[in-house]
Protein backbone atom coordinates (compact mmCIF):
# COMPACT_ATOMS: atom_id res chain seq x y z
CA MET A 1 -20.21 15.50 -26.74
CA ASN A 2 -18.09 16.52 -23.74
CA LEU A 3 -19.14 16.39 -20.10
CA GLU A 4 -16.89 18.18 -17.60
CA LEU A 5 -17.44 17.41 -13.90
CA ASN A 6 -16.30 20.08 -11.46
CA GLN A 7 -14.26 19.55 -8.28
CA ILE A 8 -17.18 18.94 -5.91
CA THR A 9 -19.08 16.69 -8.30
CA THR A 10 -15.94 14.59 -8.79
CA VAL A 11 -15.55 14.16 -5.02
CA PHE A 12 -19.22 13.18 -4.72
CA LEU A 13 -18.79 10.65 -7.52
CA ALA A 14 -15.68 9.23 -5.83
CA VAL A 15 -17.59 8.71 -2.57
CA ALA A 16 -20.54 7.18 -4.42
CA LEU A 17 -18.24 4.74 -6.27
CA LEU A 18 -16.49 3.89 -2.99
CA MET A 19 -19.86 2.99 -1.43
CA THR A 20 -20.88 1.07 -4.56
CA GLY A 21 -17.66 -0.94 -4.38
CA GLY A 22 -18.39 -1.80 -0.75
CA LEU A 23 -21.88 -3.03 -1.64
CA LEU A 24 -20.52 -5.19 -4.46
CA LEU A 25 -17.93 -6.72 -2.12
CA ASN A 26 -20.76 -7.89 0.13
CA LYS A 27 -22.71 -9.29 -2.82
CA LEU A 28 -19.83 -10.97 -4.66
CA PRO A 29 -17.80 -13.26 -2.34
CA PHE A 30 -14.94 -13.85 -4.80
CA LEU A 31 -14.00 -10.14 -4.62
CA LYS A 32 -13.77 -10.34 -0.84
CA ARG A 33 -11.81 -13.59 -1.05
CA PHE A 34 -9.07 -11.86 -3.05
CA CYS A 35 -9.22 -8.80 -0.75
CA ILE A 36 -9.99 -6.41 -3.63
CA PRO A 37 -10.53 -2.96 -2.01
CA ALA A 38 -13.91 -1.28 -2.42
CA PRO A 39 -12.48 1.82 -4.20
CA VAL A 40 -10.75 -0.44 -6.73
CA VAL A 41 -14.04 -2.20 -7.53
CA GLY A 42 -16.12 0.96 -7.85
CA GLY A 43 -13.41 3.02 -9.54
CA LEU A 44 -12.55 0.40 -12.17
CA ILE A 45 -16.21 -0.07 -13.10
CA PHE A 46 -16.48 3.66 -13.76
CA ALA A 47 -13.18 3.73 -15.66
CA ILE A 48 -14.39 0.90 -17.91
CA LEU A 49 -17.69 2.71 -18.52
CA VAL A 50 -15.87 5.97 -19.39
CA THR A 51 -13.60 4.08 -21.79
CA ILE A 52 -16.56 2.46 -23.56
CA LEU A 53 -18.39 5.79 -23.89
CA LYS A 54 -15.26 7.50 -25.25
CA GLN A 55 -14.24 4.76 -27.68
CA THR A 56 -17.77 4.50 -29.10
CA GLY A 57 -17.92 8.27 -29.59
CA ILE A 58 -20.99 8.72 -27.36
CA ILE A 59 -19.54 11.09 -24.76
CA ASN A 60 -16.18 12.18 -23.38
CA ILE A 61 -16.22 12.61 -19.58
CA THR A 62 -13.60 14.84 -17.95
CA LEU A 63 -13.02 14.80 -14.18
CA ASP A 64 -11.53 17.47 -11.90
CA THR A 65 -9.37 15.41 -9.53
CA SER A 66 -7.48 18.38 -8.07
CA LEU A 67 -8.52 17.44 -4.51
CA GLN A 68 -7.05 13.95 -4.87
CA SER A 69 -3.63 15.16 -3.73
CA LEU A 70 -5.13 16.55 -0.50
CA PHE A 71 -6.72 13.21 0.40
CA MET A 72 -3.52 11.39 -0.54
CA LEU A 73 -1.35 13.69 1.58
CA THR A 74 -3.70 13.25 4.55
CA PHE A 75 -3.66 9.46 4.31
CA PHE A 76 0.13 9.10 4.18
CA THR A 77 0.45 11.51 7.10
CA THR A 78 -1.81 9.23 9.18
CA VAL A 79 0.46 6.32 8.20
CA GLY A 80 3.42 8.20 9.63
CA LEU A 81 1.54 9.00 12.84
CA GLY A 82 0.92 5.29 13.31
CA ALA A 83 4.65 4.57 13.36
CA SER A 84 5.37 4.04 17.03
CA PHE A 85 8.85 2.58 17.38
CA LYS A 86 7.86 1.10 20.73
CA LEU A 87 6.03 -1.55 18.72
CA VAL A 88 9.24 -2.50 16.95
CA LYS A 89 10.75 -3.72 20.22
CA LEU A 90 7.94 -6.24 20.64
CA GLY A 91 8.82 -8.04 17.41
CA GLY A 92 12.48 -8.53 18.29
CA LYS A 93 14.99 -10.16 15.94
CA LEU A 94 12.35 -11.72 13.64
CA LEU A 95 10.78 -8.33 13.00
CA VAL A 96 14.14 -6.86 11.96
CA ILE A 97 14.80 -9.81 9.61
CA TYR A 98 11.34 -9.51 8.08
CA TRP A 99 11.74 -5.74 7.76
CA ILE A 100 15.12 -6.02 5.99
CA ALA A 101 13.63 -8.67 3.67
CA CYS A 102 10.92 -6.18 2.69
CA GLY A 103 13.61 -3.60 1.89
CA PHE A 104 15.49 -6.13 -0.25
CA LEU A 105 12.23 -7.01 -2.01
CA ALA A 106 11.65 -3.35 -2.94
CA LEU A 107 15.15 -3.17 -4.46
CA ALA A 108 14.70 -6.46 -6.33
CA GLN A 109 11.28 -5.48 -7.67
CA ASN A 110 12.68 -2.25 -9.09
CA LEU A 111 15.59 -4.08 -10.71
CA ILE A 112 13.19 -6.60 -12.27
CA GLY A 113 10.85 -3.86 -13.50
CA ILE A 114 13.62 -1.68 -14.97
CA SER A 115 15.49 -4.60 -16.58
CA LEU A 116 12.41 -6.13 -18.21
CA ALA A 117 11.17 -2.72 -19.34
CA LYS A 118 14.39 -2.29 -21.32
CA VAL A 119 14.12 -5.81 -22.75
CA LEU A 120 10.47 -5.29 -23.72
CA GLY A 121 11.13 -1.89 -25.30
CA ILE A 122 9.23 0.35 -22.87
CA LYS A 123 10.53 3.28 -20.81
CA PRO A 124 12.54 2.21 -17.72
CA LEU A 125 10.56 4.59 -15.53
CA LEU A 126 7.42 2.66 -16.48
CA GLY A 127 9.31 -0.41 -15.27
CA ILE A 128 9.56 1.21 -11.85
CA MET A 129 5.77 1.65 -11.91
CA VAL A 130 5.50 -2.14 -12.35
CA GLY A 131 8.18 -2.63 -9.72
CA ALA A 132 8.16 -1.70 -6.03
CA VAL A 133 5.78 1.22 -6.64
CA SER A 134 2.79 -0.95 -7.56
CA MET A 135 3.87 -4.30 -6.08
CA GLU A 136 5.06 -3.52 -2.56
CA GLY A 137 3.59 -0.01 -2.62
CA GLY A 138 0.13 -0.95 -3.86
CA HIS A 139 -2.49 1.45 -5.19
CA GLY A 140 -1.51 4.24 -2.79
CA ALA A 141 2.10 4.45 -3.94
CA ALA A 142 1.05 3.87 -7.58
CA THR A 143 -1.20 6.92 -7.37
CA ALA A 144 1.40 9.09 -5.65
CA PHE A 145 4.41 8.21 -7.82
CA GLY A 146 2.32 7.87 -10.99
CA GLY A 147 1.43 11.53 -10.73
CA THR A 148 5.07 12.42 -10.08
CA LEU A 149 6.28 10.53 -13.16
CA GLU A 150 3.60 12.06 -15.36
CA GLU A 151 4.87 15.49 -14.28
CA LEU A 152 8.30 14.30 -15.52
CA GLY A 153 6.74 13.55 -18.92
CA ILE A 154 6.10 9.80 -18.60
CA ASN A 155 2.64 9.46 -20.11
CA SER A 156 0.33 6.72 -18.76
CA ALA A 157 2.52 6.20 -15.66
CA LEU A 158 -0.46 6.53 -13.31
CA SER A 159 -2.70 4.22 -15.33
CA VAL A 160 0.05 1.60 -15.71
CA GLY A 161 0.85 1.72 -12.00
CA LEU A 162 -2.78 1.33 -10.93
CA ALA A 163 -3.39 -1.50 -13.39
CA ALA A 164 -0.23 -3.30 -12.22
CA ALA A 165 -1.22 -2.80 -8.58
CA THR A 166 -4.59 -4.40 -9.28
CA PHE A 167 -2.99 -7.43 -10.97
CA GLY A 168 -0.52 -7.70 -8.08
CA LEU A 169 -3.32 -7.53 -5.52
CA VAL A 170 -5.11 -10.47 -7.12
CA ALA A 171 -1.86 -12.42 -7.51
CA GLY A 172 -0.94 -11.83 -3.87
CA GLY A 173 -4.24 -13.35 -2.79
CA LEU A 174 -3.82 -16.32 -5.14
CA VAL A 175 -0.26 -17.43 -4.37
CA GLY A 176 0.02 -16.83 -0.62
CA GLY A 177 -2.12 -19.73 0.60
CA PRO A 178 -0.73 -22.41 -1.76
CA THR A 179 2.86 -21.33 -1.00
CA VAL A 180 2.36 -21.70 2.76
CA LYS A 181 0.46 -24.97 2.35
CA TYR A 182 3.46 -26.34 0.43
CA LEU A 183 5.82 -25.35 3.25
CA VAL A 184 3.56 -26.70 6.01
CA THR A 185 3.09 -30.01 4.21
CA LYS A 186 6.72 -30.47 3.16
CA TYR A 187 8.21 -29.73 6.57
CA LYS A 188 5.25 -31.10 8.60
CA LEU A 189 4.95 -27.85 10.52
CA LYS A 190 2.64 -27.29 13.46
CA PRO A 191 1.83 -24.23 15.59
CA THR A 192 4.08 -23.75 18.61
CA GLU A 193 2.63 -23.60 22.10
CA LEU A 194 3.13 -20.05 23.26
CA ASP A 195 2.96 -18.71 26.78
CA ALA A 196 0.59 -15.83 27.41
CA MET A 197 2.19 -12.69 25.99
CA ASP A 198 1.16 -9.56 27.82
CA GLU A 199 3.25 -7.56 25.36
CA ILE A 200 0.94 -8.42 22.47
CA SER A 201 -2.01 -6.75 24.11
CA ALA A 202 0.27 -3.79 24.87
CA ALA A 203 1.02 -3.58 21.16
CA LYS A 204 -2.46 -2.31 20.41
CA GLU A 205 -2.18 1.16 19.00
CA SER A 206 -4.48 2.80 21.50
CA GLY A 207 -2.24 1.91 24.40
CA ALA A 208 -5.06 2.61 26.85
CA ALA A 209 -8.69 1.93 27.52
CA ASP A 210 -11.05 3.39 24.96
CA THR A 211 -12.40 6.58 26.45
CA GLY A 212 -14.65 7.35 23.50
CA LEU A 213 -14.38 9.94 20.75
CA ASP A 214 -15.32 13.57 21.23
CA SER A 215 -14.98 16.67 19.06
CA GLN A 216 -12.12 18.16 21.08
CA LYS A 217 -10.02 14.99 20.83
CA PHE A 218 -10.84 14.63 17.14
CA MET A 219 -9.87 18.24 16.38
CA THR A 220 -6.58 17.75 18.23
CA GLN A 221 -5.78 14.93 15.83
CA ILE A 222 -6.76 17.15 12.87
CA LEU A 223 -4.38 19.80 14.22
CA ILE A 224 -1.49 17.31 14.47
CA ILE A 225 -2.20 15.88 10.99
CA THR A 226 -2.43 19.27 9.26
CA LEU A 227 0.72 20.47 11.07
CA CYS A 228 2.65 17.48 9.72
CA MET A 229 1.14 17.96 6.26
CA ALA A 230 2.02 21.65 6.09
CA ALA A 231 5.50 21.52 7.62
CA GLY A 232 6.40 18.17 5.99
CA SER A 233 5.43 19.19 2.46
CA TYR A 234 7.25 22.53 2.91
CA LEU A 235 10.41 20.79 4.12
CA GLY A 236 10.09 18.31 1.24
CA ASP A 237 9.98 21.20 -1.25
CA LEU A 238 13.06 22.76 0.33
CA PHE A 239 14.88 19.44 0.13
CA SER A 240 13.99 19.02 -3.55
CA LYS A 241 15.12 22.57 -4.42
CA ALA A 242 18.37 22.19 -2.50
CA THR A 243 19.33 18.78 -3.91
CA GLY A 244 17.49 18.54 -7.24
CA PHE A 245 16.13 15.24 -5.97
CA VAL A 246 12.47 14.56 -6.86
CA LEU A 247 10.59 14.07 -3.58
CA PRO A 248 6.78 13.70 -3.66
CA ALA A 249 5.09 16.04 -1.17
CA TYR A 250 3.56 13.24 0.84
CA VAL A 251 6.95 11.64 1.60
CA GLY A 252 8.13 14.66 3.59
CA ALA A 253 4.82 14.84 5.47
CA MET A 254 4.90 11.11 6.25
CA PHE A 255 8.44 11.10 7.62
CA LEU A 256 7.84 14.24 9.67
CA ALA A 257 4.73 12.53 11.09
CA VAL A 258 6.91 9.58 12.18
CA ILE A 259 9.19 12.00 14.07
CA VAL A 260 6.24 13.85 15.63
CA ARG A 261 4.61 10.59 16.73
CA ASN A 262 7.68 9.34 18.55
CA ILE A 263 8.42 12.72 20.17
CA LEU A 264 4.85 12.84 21.48
CA ASP A 265 5.15 9.25 22.71
CA THR A 266 8.12 10.37 24.81
CA PHE A 267 6.67 13.57 26.30
CA LYS A 268 2.87 13.25 26.03
CA LYS A 269 1.76 9.66 25.55
CA ASP A 270 -1.97 10.35 25.21
CA ALA A 271 -1.61 13.08 22.54
CA ILE A 272 -2.15 10.65 19.65
CA ASP A 273 -5.55 8.98 19.52
CA MET A 274 -5.14 6.13 17.04
CA LYS A 275 -8.88 5.54 16.85
CA SER A 276 -9.30 9.01 15.30
CA ILE A 277 -6.11 8.74 13.22
CA ASN A 278 -7.15 5.39 11.76
CA LEU A 279 -10.66 6.68 11.02
CA ILE A 280 -9.29 9.72 9.16
CA GLY A 281 -6.78 7.50 7.34
CA ASP A 282 -9.42 4.98 6.24
CA VAL A 283 -11.76 7.69 4.91
CA THR A 284 -9.09 9.65 3.03
CA LEU A 285 -7.53 6.47 1.61
CA GLY A 286 -10.88 5.29 0.29
CA ILE A 287 -11.70 8.60 -1.38
CA PHE A 288 -8.27 9.20 -2.93
CA LEU A 289 -8.06 5.64 -4.28
CA SER A 290 -11.58 5.90 -5.67
CA MET A 291 -10.66 9.16 -7.43
CA ALA A 292 -7.46 7.60 -8.77
CA LEU A 293 -9.11 4.44 -10.11
CA MET A 294 -12.12 6.17 -11.66
CA SER A 295 -9.80 8.51 -13.59
CA ILE A 296 -7.66 5.74 -15.15
CA LYS A 297 -7.43 6.20 -18.91
CA LEU A 298 -7.67 2.54 -19.89
CA TRP A 299 -7.26 3.33 -23.58
CA GLU A 300 -3.74 4.55 -22.80
CA VAL A 301 -2.83 1.27 -21.03
CA ALA A 302 -4.00 -1.06 -23.82
CA GLY A 303 -0.74 -0.89 -25.77
CA LEU A 304 1.29 -1.64 -22.63
CA ALA A 305 -0.87 -4.53 -21.40
CA LEU A 306 1.36 -7.39 -22.57
CA PRO A 307 4.71 -5.98 -21.29
CA MET A 308 3.01 -5.08 -18.00
CA LEU A 309 1.57 -8.59 -17.54
CA ILE A 310 4.94 -10.18 -18.32
CA ILE A 311 6.68 -8.03 -15.70
CA VAL A 312 3.98 -8.74 -13.08
CA PHE A 313 4.24 -12.48 -13.80
CA VAL A 314 8.02 -12.40 -13.24
CA GLN A 315 7.49 -10.40 -10.02
CA VAL A 316 5.13 -13.11 -8.73
CA ILE A 317 7.60 -15.91 -9.58
CA PHE A 318 10.44 -14.03 -7.87
CA ILE A 319 8.59 -13.36 -4.61
CA VAL A 320 7.46 -16.99 -4.33
CA LEU A 321 11.01 -18.31 -4.90
CA PHE A 322 12.53 -15.75 -2.53
CA SER A 323 9.93 -16.50 0.15
CA VAL A 324 10.34 -20.28 -0.02
CA PHE A 325 14.11 -20.58 -0.41
CA VAL A 326 15.40 -17.52 1.49
CA LEU A 327 12.90 -15.79 3.78
CA PHE A 328 11.41 -18.97 5.23
CA LYS A 329 14.88 -20.14 6.29
CA LEU A 330 15.92 -16.75 7.65
CA LEU A 331 12.79 -16.64 9.83
CA GLY A 332 13.55 -20.02 11.40
CA LYS A 333 11.91 -22.66 9.16
CA ASP A 334 9.07 -23.16 11.65
CA TYR A 335 5.30 -22.72 11.48
CA ASP A 336 5.46 -19.02 12.38
CA ALA A 337 7.95 -18.50 9.54
CA ALA A 338 5.59 -20.21 7.09
CA VAL A 339 2.65 -18.02 8.11
CA MET A 340 4.82 -14.90 7.78
CA VAL A 341 5.68 -16.04 4.25
CA GLY A 342 1.96 -15.89 3.51
CA GLY A 343 1.86 -12.33 4.81
CA PHE A 344 5.00 -11.42 2.87
CA THR A 345 3.53 -12.54 -0.47
CA GLY A 346 0.32 -10.70 0.38
CA HIS A 347 1.71 -7.22 0.98
CA GLY A 348 4.75 -7.78 -1.25
CA LEU A 349 2.38 -8.00 -4.22
CA GLY A 350 -0.63 -6.14 -2.91
CA ALA A 351 -1.31 -4.56 0.45
CA THR A 352 -1.34 -5.21 4.19
CA PRO A 353 -5.05 -6.27 4.17
CA ASN A 354 -4.02 -8.85 1.54
CA ALA A 355 -1.36 -10.11 3.94
CA MET A 356 -3.81 -10.32 6.83
CA ALA A 357 -6.35 -12.15 4.68
CA ASN A 358 -3.70 -14.67 3.60
CA MET A 359 -2.63 -15.30 7.18
CA SER A 360 -6.21 -15.54 8.43
CA ALA A 361 -7.01 -18.20 5.85
CA ILE A 362 -3.81 -20.10 6.70
CA THR A 363 -4.26 -20.02 10.48
CA ALA A 364 -7.92 -20.97 10.17
CA GLN A 365 -6.80 -24.21 8.52
CA PHE A 366 -3.52 -25.02 10.29
CA GLY A 367 -3.64 -23.18 13.63
CA PRO A 368 -2.68 -19.83 15.24
CA SER A 369 0.56 -17.87 14.90
CA ARG A 370 0.84 -14.98 17.33
CA LYS A 371 4.28 -13.94 16.11
CA ALA A 372 3.08 -13.59 12.53
CA PHE A 373 0.07 -11.49 13.52
CA LEU A 374 2.31 -9.22 15.58
CA ILE A 375 5.17 -8.74 13.10
CA VAL A 376 3.50 -8.60 9.66
CA PRO A 377 1.01 -5.78 10.41
CA ILE A 378 3.68 -3.64 12.10
CA VAL A 379 6.05 -3.92 9.13
CA GLY A 380 3.35 -3.82 6.46
CA ALA A 381 1.52 -0.84 7.94
CA PHE A 382 4.41 1.61 8.21
CA LEU A 383 7.94 0.22 8.62
CA ILE A 384 8.01 -1.05 5.04
CA ASP A 385 7.96 2.55 3.76
CA VAL A 386 11.16 3.43 5.63
CA PHE A 387 13.06 1.21 3.16
CA ALA A 388 10.76 1.23 0.14
CA MET A 389 10.32 4.99 -0.29
CA PRO A 390 14.04 5.89 -0.43
CA ILE A 391 14.65 2.99 -2.85
CA ILE A 392 11.81 4.08 -5.15
CA ILE A 393 12.76 7.77 -5.02
CA THR A 394 16.44 7.02 -5.67
CA SER A 395 15.53 4.76 -8.63
CA ILE A 396 13.36 7.48 -10.16
CA ASN A 397 16.04 10.13 -9.77
CA LEU A 398 18.72 7.90 -11.31
CA LEU A 399 16.57 7.34 -14.40
CA LYS A 400 14.81 10.68 -14.87
């Protein structure tokens, strides 16, 4: 028996699973402790149910996820619009070091993924999906690039990427705290006494007092977002046709949004309302991730489970060693450096919320770190993509 869900029903189901995941997070503390996103919880439960129903021959459920790309494009455009380079100045030298380290990590993760994929006898492009795409990129990048690779004929790329991103997310929550505790204990680190920093409050995205949200302001943000989406994806297509270089549509929209944001900051500072942008980003991210996770074909991943787990395990070992022996020293070998290591392992294996959860747990036990809470979110939220995306795209094009 076959059951085909149309476009609207699929969107409804995605929202319902997103809400279900949120309810389960509140009921099951261990999910919240590892910072597992609500769409991952709800979507995976549905994917497991669909797999059971298919494998037992009861029913085959087919979803119409054609609107997923729209939600994905919208989310990554909001990421670009959050990229105010004025914030970069507040982080200073440490932010640049941390940012470059994230770029190096993306390169190293791809090299590890590709190399081990060849050793383990799987396609190198699948190695990229268990590299920077799913580790540093998380579920969002896994969904975006997974679809791109499947269009290039790499079957199961999306499912492998999402599964790897989930394993990485859990690993990032598990290793961050113990790694920082080791550094704090070994070097007897303590929080530094910081003077009041007016710049930190200025770093808040709103940049002004909250004047509330109205329909006119909200529609202005919709106009800016859709302009970046339309023009950015069009320019991305032109670039791909002119160079033969595979460029996912959302990458062009995201980078154009970065340019638009910083032009508007120069000529019309109040044009971007980050409260609205963040709201739109959160909603579209939740729906597109829910659609991606609920459509995973787990039966296609089963044969790749062992190679994928081996690669993820090596990725975890590498990021811990790099963080302890290289990054910690580059950042100054002090308490702030240790806390930033916790953030680095969090979003280097999972996502920025993972990083923030790691640092919150660390600072709750050992004391505050203003530098870490300024630098890590800025890099993790948008700057990381400036390095990671070109590295991922170049890797794909070299191997396609």
